């Protein structure tokens, strides 16, 4: 909800929602993340890496990396499937998902949830 007041936004450094001096902030979304058509997101929502958000209702204002689902139910996205989706997206742009990319995603997957 946008009340024109100062926003609380998720801080990775503090691992919690923190008060800011910011009044306006859209979505902050990590690499390889996506939403379904008509997915509703609140002001200042933070979405991690390789998340797939879909379904009815507003999901939380912080969506961890590798989340698969939405407001009603979600689970951790399997790493091999995340590789496949990222690779498919990158191939459309004539880019290869490199071993270094996989190493980064593997590291982040271990930290998620």
N, C-alpha and C. Protein backbone atom coordinates (compact mmCIF):
# COMPACT_ATOMS: atom_id res chain seq x y z
N UNK A 1 0.84 -1.16 0.00
CA UNK A 1 0.00 0.00 0.00
C UNK A 1 0.89 1.23 0.00
N UNK A 2 0.54 2.24 -0.78
CA UNK A 2 1.31 3.47 -0.83
C UNK A 2 0.55 4.55 -0.07
N UNK A 3 1.11 4.95 1.07
CA UNK A 3 0.48 5.97 1.91
C UNK A 3 1.19 7.32 1.78
N UNK A 4 2.18 7.42 0.91
CA UNK A 4 3.02 8.59 0.76
C UNK A 4 3.85 8.84 2.02
N UNK A 5 4.01 7.81 2.83
CA UNK A 5 4.89 7.89 3.98
C UNK A 5 6.22 7.25 3.65
N UNK A 6 7.14 7.27 4.58
CA UNK A 6 8.45 6.63 4.40
C UNK A 6 8.27 5.11 4.35
N UNK A 7 9.03 4.47 3.46
CA UNK A 7 8.88 3.03 3.22
C UNK A 7 9.79 2.19 4.09
N UNK A 8 9.31 0.99 4.41
CA UNK A 8 10.17 -0.05 4.95
C UNK A 8 10.54 -0.96 3.79
N UNK A 9 11.83 -1.25 3.67
CA UNK A 9 12.34 -2.07 2.58
C UNK A 9 13.27 -3.12 3.17
N UNK A 10 13.26 -4.33 2.60
CA UNK A 10 14.11 -5.41 3.09
C UNK A 10 15.59 -5.06 2.90
N UNK A 11 16.38 -5.27 3.94
CA UNK A 11 17.82 -5.05 3.90
C UNK A 11 18.53 -6.39 4.00
N UNK A 12 19.30 -6.73 2.98
CA UNK A 12 20.10 -7.96 3.03
C UNK A 12 21.17 -7.85 4.10
N UNK A 13 21.70 -6.67 4.30
CA UNK A 13 22.75 -6.47 5.30
C UNK A 13 22.24 -6.78 6.70
N UNK A 14 21.00 -6.32 7.01
CA UNK A 14 20.44 -6.52 8.34
C UNK A 14 19.51 -7.73 8.42
N UNK A 15 19.21 -8.33 7.27
CA UNK A 15 18.36 -9.52 7.19
C UNK A 15 16.97 -9.27 7.80
N UNK A 16 16.43 -8.08 7.53
CA UNK A 16 15.10 -7.73 8.01
C UNK A 16 14.60 -6.48 7.28
N UNK A 17 13.32 -6.18 7.48
CA UNK A 17 12.75 -4.96 6.93
C UNK A 17 13.29 -3.79 7.74
N UNK A 18 13.69 -2.71 7.07
CA UNK A 18 14.22 -1.53 7.76
C UNK A 18 13.49 -0.28 7.27
N UNK A 19 13.36 0.66 8.17
CA UNK A 19 12.75 1.95 7.85
C UNK A 19 13.74 2.75 6.99
N UNK A 20 13.23 3.41 5.96
CA UNK A 20 14.08 4.25 5.10
C UNK A 20 13.58 5.69 5.15
N UNK A 21 14.30 6.56 4.49
CA UNK A 21 13.86 7.94 4.29
C UNK A 21 13.26 8.11 2.90
N UNK A 22 12.94 6.99 2.25
CA UNK A 22 12.44 6.99 0.87
C UNK A 22 10.91 6.98 0.88
N UNK A 23 10.32 7.83 0.06
CA UNK A 23 8.86 7.86 -0.07
C UNK A 23 8.40 7.06 -1.28
N UNK A 24 9.18 7.08 -2.35
CA UNK A 24 8.81 6.39 -3.58
C UNK A 24 9.88 5.37 -3.95
N UNK A 25 9.47 4.15 -4.16
CA UNK A 25 10.38 3.10 -4.60
C UNK A 25 9.56 2.01 -5.24
N UNK A 26 9.92 1.64 -6.43
CA UNK A 26 9.23 0.55 -7.11
C UNK A 26 9.80 -0.79 -6.68
N UNK A 27 9.74 -1.71 -7.57
CA UNK A 27 10.21 -3.08 -7.35
C UNK A 27 11.72 -3.17 -7.50
N UNK A 28 12.37 -3.91 -6.58
CA UNK A 28 13.79 -4.25 -6.70
C UNK A 28 13.84 -5.75 -6.93
N UNK A 29 14.27 -6.17 -8.13
CA UNK A 29 14.20 -7.58 -8.51
C UNK A 29 15.56 -8.09 -8.98
N UNK A 30 15.96 -9.24 -8.46
CA UNK A 30 17.24 -9.84 -8.80
C UNK A 30 17.26 -10.47 -10.19
N UNK A 31 18.47 -10.76 -10.65
CA UNK A 31 18.67 -11.39 -11.95
C UNK A 31 17.91 -12.71 -12.05
N UNK A 32 17.42 -12.99 -13.22
CA UNK A 32 16.74 -14.23 -13.58
C UNK A 32 15.40 -14.42 -12.84
N UNK A 33 14.88 -13.39 -12.22
CA UNK A 33 13.57 -13.48 -11.58
C UNK A 33 12.50 -12.99 -12.53
N UNK A 34 11.28 -13.46 -12.30
CA UNK A 34 10.18 -13.08 -13.18
C UNK A 34 8.87 -13.18 -12.43
N UNK A 35 7.84 -12.54 -13.00
CA UNK A 35 6.50 -12.63 -12.44
C UNK A 35 5.54 -13.10 -13.52
N UNK A 36 4.45 -13.71 -13.09
CA UNK A 36 3.39 -14.08 -14.00
C UNK A 36 2.60 -12.85 -14.42
N UNK A 37 1.81 -12.98 -15.46
CA UNK A 37 0.96 -11.89 -15.92
C UNK A 37 0.00 -11.49 -14.80
N UNK A 38 -0.16 -10.19 -14.61
CA UNK A 38 -1.05 -9.60 -13.59
C UNK A 38 -0.64 -9.89 -12.15
N UNK A 39 0.61 -10.24 -11.92
CA UNK A 39 1.07 -10.41 -10.54
C UNK A 39 1.12 -9.04 -9.88
N UNK A 40 0.54 -8.94 -8.69
CA UNK A 40 0.50 -7.67 -7.96
C UNK A 40 1.65 -7.62 -6.96
N UNK A 41 2.37 -6.51 -6.97
CA UNK A 41 3.49 -6.33 -6.05
C UNK A 41 3.34 -4.98 -5.34
N UNK A 42 3.66 -4.95 -4.06
CA UNK A 42 3.58 -3.72 -3.29
C UNK A 42 4.75 -2.79 -3.57
N UNK A 43 4.58 -1.53 -3.23
CA UNK A 43 5.64 -0.54 -3.29
C UNK A 43 6.81 -1.03 -2.44
N UNK A 44 8.01 -0.94 -2.99
CA UNK A 44 9.21 -1.30 -2.24
C UNK A 44 9.42 -2.80 -2.06
N UNK A 45 8.77 -3.62 -2.89
CA UNK A 45 8.98 -5.07 -2.80
C UNK A 45 10.39 -5.41 -3.26
N UNK A 46 11.04 -6.33 -2.57
CA UNK A 46 12.37 -6.82 -2.92
C UNK A 46 12.25 -8.31 -3.26
N UNK A 47 12.67 -8.65 -4.48
CA UNK A 47 12.65 -10.04 -4.95
C UNK A 47 14.10 -10.46 -5.19
N UNK A 48 14.48 -11.60 -4.66
CA UNK A 48 15.84 -12.10 -4.84
C UNK A 48 16.10 -12.62 -6.24
N UNK A 49 17.14 -13.40 -6.38
CA UNK A 49 17.61 -13.96 -7.65
C UNK A 49 16.81 -15.21 -8.00
N UNK A 50 16.51 -15.38 -9.27
CA UNK A 50 15.94 -16.60 -9.82
C UNK A 50 14.63 -17.01 -9.14
N UNK A 51 13.80 -16.02 -8.85
CA UNK A 51 12.48 -16.30 -8.28
C UNK A 51 11.44 -16.28 -9.40
N UNK A 52 10.38 -17.04 -9.23
CA UNK A 52 9.26 -17.05 -10.17
C UNK A 52 8.01 -16.84 -9.34
N UNK A 53 7.43 -15.64 -9.45
CA UNK A 53 6.31 -15.23 -8.61
C UNK A 53 5.05 -15.18 -9.46
N UNK A 54 3.99 -15.83 -8.97
CA UNK A 54 2.73 -15.89 -9.72
C UNK A 54 1.57 -16.14 -8.76
N UNK A 55 0.37 -16.00 -9.27
CA UNK A 55 -0.83 -16.31 -8.50
C UNK A 55 -1.55 -15.07 -8.02
N UNK A 56 -2.68 -15.29 -7.38
CA UNK A 56 -3.54 -14.20 -6.92
C UNK A 56 -3.02 -13.61 -5.61
N UNK A 57 -3.42 -12.39 -5.33
CA UNK A 57 -3.07 -11.73 -4.08
C UNK A 57 -1.69 -11.10 -4.11
N UNK A 58 -1.40 -10.33 -3.08
CA UNK A 58 -0.10 -9.69 -2.95
C UNK A 58 0.87 -10.61 -2.21
N UNK A 59 2.00 -10.96 -2.83
CA UNK A 59 3.01 -11.72 -2.08
C UNK A 59 3.68 -10.80 -1.05
N UNK A 60 4.49 -11.37 -0.21
CA UNK A 60 5.22 -10.61 0.81
C UNK A 60 6.07 -9.52 0.16
N UNK A 61 6.44 -8.50 0.93
CA UNK A 61 7.29 -7.43 0.41
C UNK A 61 8.74 -7.88 0.25
N UNK A 62 9.11 -9.00 0.85
CA UNK A 62 10.43 -9.59 0.62
C UNK A 62 10.21 -11.02 0.15
N UNK A 63 10.73 -11.31 -1.03
CA UNK A 63 10.62 -12.64 -1.62
C UNK A 63 12.04 -13.16 -1.80
N UNK A 64 12.41 -14.19 -1.04
CA UNK A 64 13.78 -14.70 -1.11
C UNK A 64 14.16 -15.24 -2.50
N UNK A 65 15.43 -15.28 -2.75
CA UNK A 65 15.95 -15.89 -3.97
C UNK A 65 15.43 -17.31 -4.10
N UNK A 66 15.20 -17.74 -5.33
CA UNK A 66 14.78 -19.10 -5.66
C UNK A 66 13.40 -19.46 -5.08
N UNK A 67 12.54 -18.45 -4.93
CA UNK A 67 11.16 -18.71 -4.52
C UNK A 67 10.34 -19.05 -5.75
N UNK A 68 9.54 -20.09 -5.67
CA UNK A 68 8.66 -20.53 -6.76
C UNK A 68 7.25 -20.52 -6.19
N UNK A 69 6.42 -19.55 -6.59
CA UNK A 69 5.06 -19.49 -6.10
C UNK A 69 4.61 -18.07 -5.86
N UNK A 70 3.66 -17.91 -4.95
CA UNK A 70 3.09 -16.60 -4.72
C UNK A 70 2.61 -16.40 -3.30
N UNK A 71 1.57 -15.56 -3.16
CA UNK A 71 1.06 -15.18 -1.85
C UNK A 71 0.51 -16.36 -1.07
N UNK A 72 -0.14 -17.28 -1.77
CA UNK A 72 -0.80 -18.38 -1.09
C UNK A 72 0.14 -19.53 -0.73
N UNK A 73 1.08 -19.82 -1.60
CA UNK A 73 1.98 -20.96 -1.38
C UNK A 73 3.24 -20.77 -2.22
N UNK A 74 4.38 -21.13 -1.64
CA UNK A 74 5.62 -21.09 -2.41
C UNK A 74 6.56 -22.18 -1.90
N UNK A 75 7.54 -22.50 -2.73
CA UNK A 75 8.56 -23.47 -2.36
C UNK A 75 9.88 -23.01 -2.94
N UNK A 76 10.94 -23.68 -2.56
CA UNK A 76 12.27 -23.33 -3.07
C UNK A 76 12.44 -23.93 -4.47
N UNK A 77 12.83 -23.07 -5.42
CA UNK A 77 13.06 -23.45 -6.81
C UNK A 77 14.28 -24.37 -6.87
N UNK A 78 14.14 -25.52 -7.51
CA UNK A 78 15.25 -26.47 -7.63
C UNK A 78 16.37 -25.86 -8.48
N UNK A 79 17.60 -26.06 -8.05
CA UNK A 79 18.76 -25.44 -8.69
C UNK A 79 18.88 -25.84 -10.16
N UNK A 80 18.75 -27.12 -10.47
CA UNK A 80 18.88 -27.56 -11.86
C UNK A 80 17.82 -26.91 -12.76
N UNK A 81 16.61 -26.76 -12.24
CA UNK A 81 15.55 -26.09 -12.99
C UNK A 81 15.88 -24.61 -13.17
N UNK A 82 16.45 -23.99 -12.16
CA UNK A 82 16.87 -22.58 -12.26
C UNK A 82 17.94 -22.42 -13.35
N UNK A 83 18.89 -23.37 -13.42
CA UNK A 83 19.89 -23.36 -14.49
C UNK A 83 19.21 -23.43 -15.85
N UNK A 84 18.26 -24.35 -15.99
CA UNK A 84 17.56 -24.55 -17.26
C UNK A 84 16.83 -23.29 -17.70
N UNK A 85 16.10 -22.67 -16.78
CA UNK A 85 15.34 -21.46 -17.12
C UNK A 85 16.28 -20.32 -17.48
N UNK A 86 17.34 -20.12 -16.69
CA UNK A 86 18.30 -19.05 -16.97
C UNK A 86 18.98 -19.28 -18.31
N UNK A 87 19.36 -20.52 -18.58
CA UNK A 87 20.01 -20.87 -19.85
C UNK A 87 19.09 -20.59 -21.04
N UNK A 88 17.82 -20.99 -20.91
CA UNK A 88 16.85 -20.75 -21.99
C UNK A 88 16.68 -19.26 -22.27
N UNK A 89 16.59 -18.46 -21.21
CA UNK A 89 16.44 -17.02 -21.37
C UNK A 89 17.68 -16.43 -22.03
N UNK A 90 18.85 -16.83 -21.58
CA UNK A 90 20.08 -16.27 -22.11
C UNK A 90 20.31 -16.68 -23.57
N UNK A 91 19.94 -17.91 -23.93
CA UNK A 91 20.08 -18.38 -25.32
C UNK A 91 19.29 -17.50 -26.28
N UNK A 92 18.14 -16.99 -25.84
CA UNK A 92 17.34 -16.10 -26.68
C UNK A 92 18.12 -14.83 -27.04
N UNK A 93 19.10 -14.49 -26.20
CA UNK A 93 19.92 -13.30 -26.41
C UNK A 93 21.32 -13.67 -26.93
N UNK A 94 21.44 -14.95 -27.33
CA UNK A 94 22.70 -15.47 -27.87
C UNK A 94 23.85 -15.36 -26.85
N UNK A 95 23.51 -15.64 -25.58
CA UNK A 95 24.48 -15.65 -24.49
C UNK A 95 24.43 -17.04 -23.86
N UNK A 96 25.59 -17.54 -23.45
CA UNK A 96 25.67 -18.86 -22.84
C UNK A 96 25.75 -18.71 -21.32
N UNK A 97 24.98 -19.54 -20.60
CA UNK A 97 25.11 -19.60 -19.14
C UNK A 97 26.44 -20.27 -18.83
N UNK A 98 27.39 -19.51 -18.33
CA UNK A 98 28.76 -19.99 -18.15
C UNK A 98 28.91 -20.80 -16.86
N UNK A 99 30.00 -21.55 -16.75
CA UNK A 99 30.29 -22.22 -15.47
C UNK A 99 30.37 -21.22 -14.31
N UNK A 100 30.89 -20.02 -14.56
CA UNK A 100 30.95 -19.00 -13.51
C UNK A 100 29.54 -18.58 -13.09
N UNK A 101 28.64 -18.42 -14.06
CA UNK A 101 27.24 -18.10 -13.74
C UNK A 101 26.64 -19.19 -12.86
N UNK A 102 26.89 -20.44 -13.23
CA UNK A 102 26.35 -21.56 -12.46
C UNK A 102 26.94 -21.59 -11.04
N UNK A 103 28.20 -21.25 -10.92
CA UNK A 103 28.84 -21.23 -9.61
C UNK A 103 28.20 -20.15 -8.72
N UNK A 104 27.93 -18.99 -9.29
CA UNK A 104 27.28 -17.91 -8.54
C UNK A 104 25.88 -18.32 -8.12
N UNK A 105 25.11 -18.87 -9.06
CA UNK A 105 23.74 -19.31 -8.74
C UNK A 105 23.75 -20.42 -7.69
N UNK A 106 24.70 -21.33 -7.77
CA UNK A 106 24.81 -22.40 -6.78
C UNK A 106 25.08 -21.84 -5.39
N UNK A 107 25.98 -20.89 -5.31
CA UNK A 107 26.29 -20.24 -4.03
C UNK A 107 25.05 -19.56 -3.46
N UNK A 108 24.34 -18.79 -4.30
CA UNK A 108 23.15 -18.08 -3.84
C UNK A 108 22.03 -19.04 -3.45
N UNK A 109 21.94 -20.17 -4.17
CA UNK A 109 20.92 -21.17 -3.86
C UNK A 109 21.15 -21.74 -2.45
N UNK A 110 22.41 -21.96 -2.10
CA UNK A 110 22.74 -22.49 -0.76
C UNK A 110 22.35 -21.49 0.34
N UNK A 111 22.42 -20.20 0.03
CA UNK A 111 22.08 -19.16 1.02
C UNK A 111 20.57 -18.96 1.14
N UNK A 112 19.81 -19.34 0.12
CA UNK A 112 18.38 -19.03 0.06
C UNK A 112 17.58 -19.84 1.07
N UNK A 113 16.56 -19.18 1.58
CA UNK A 113 15.55 -19.77 2.50
C UNK A 113 16.25 -20.21 3.76
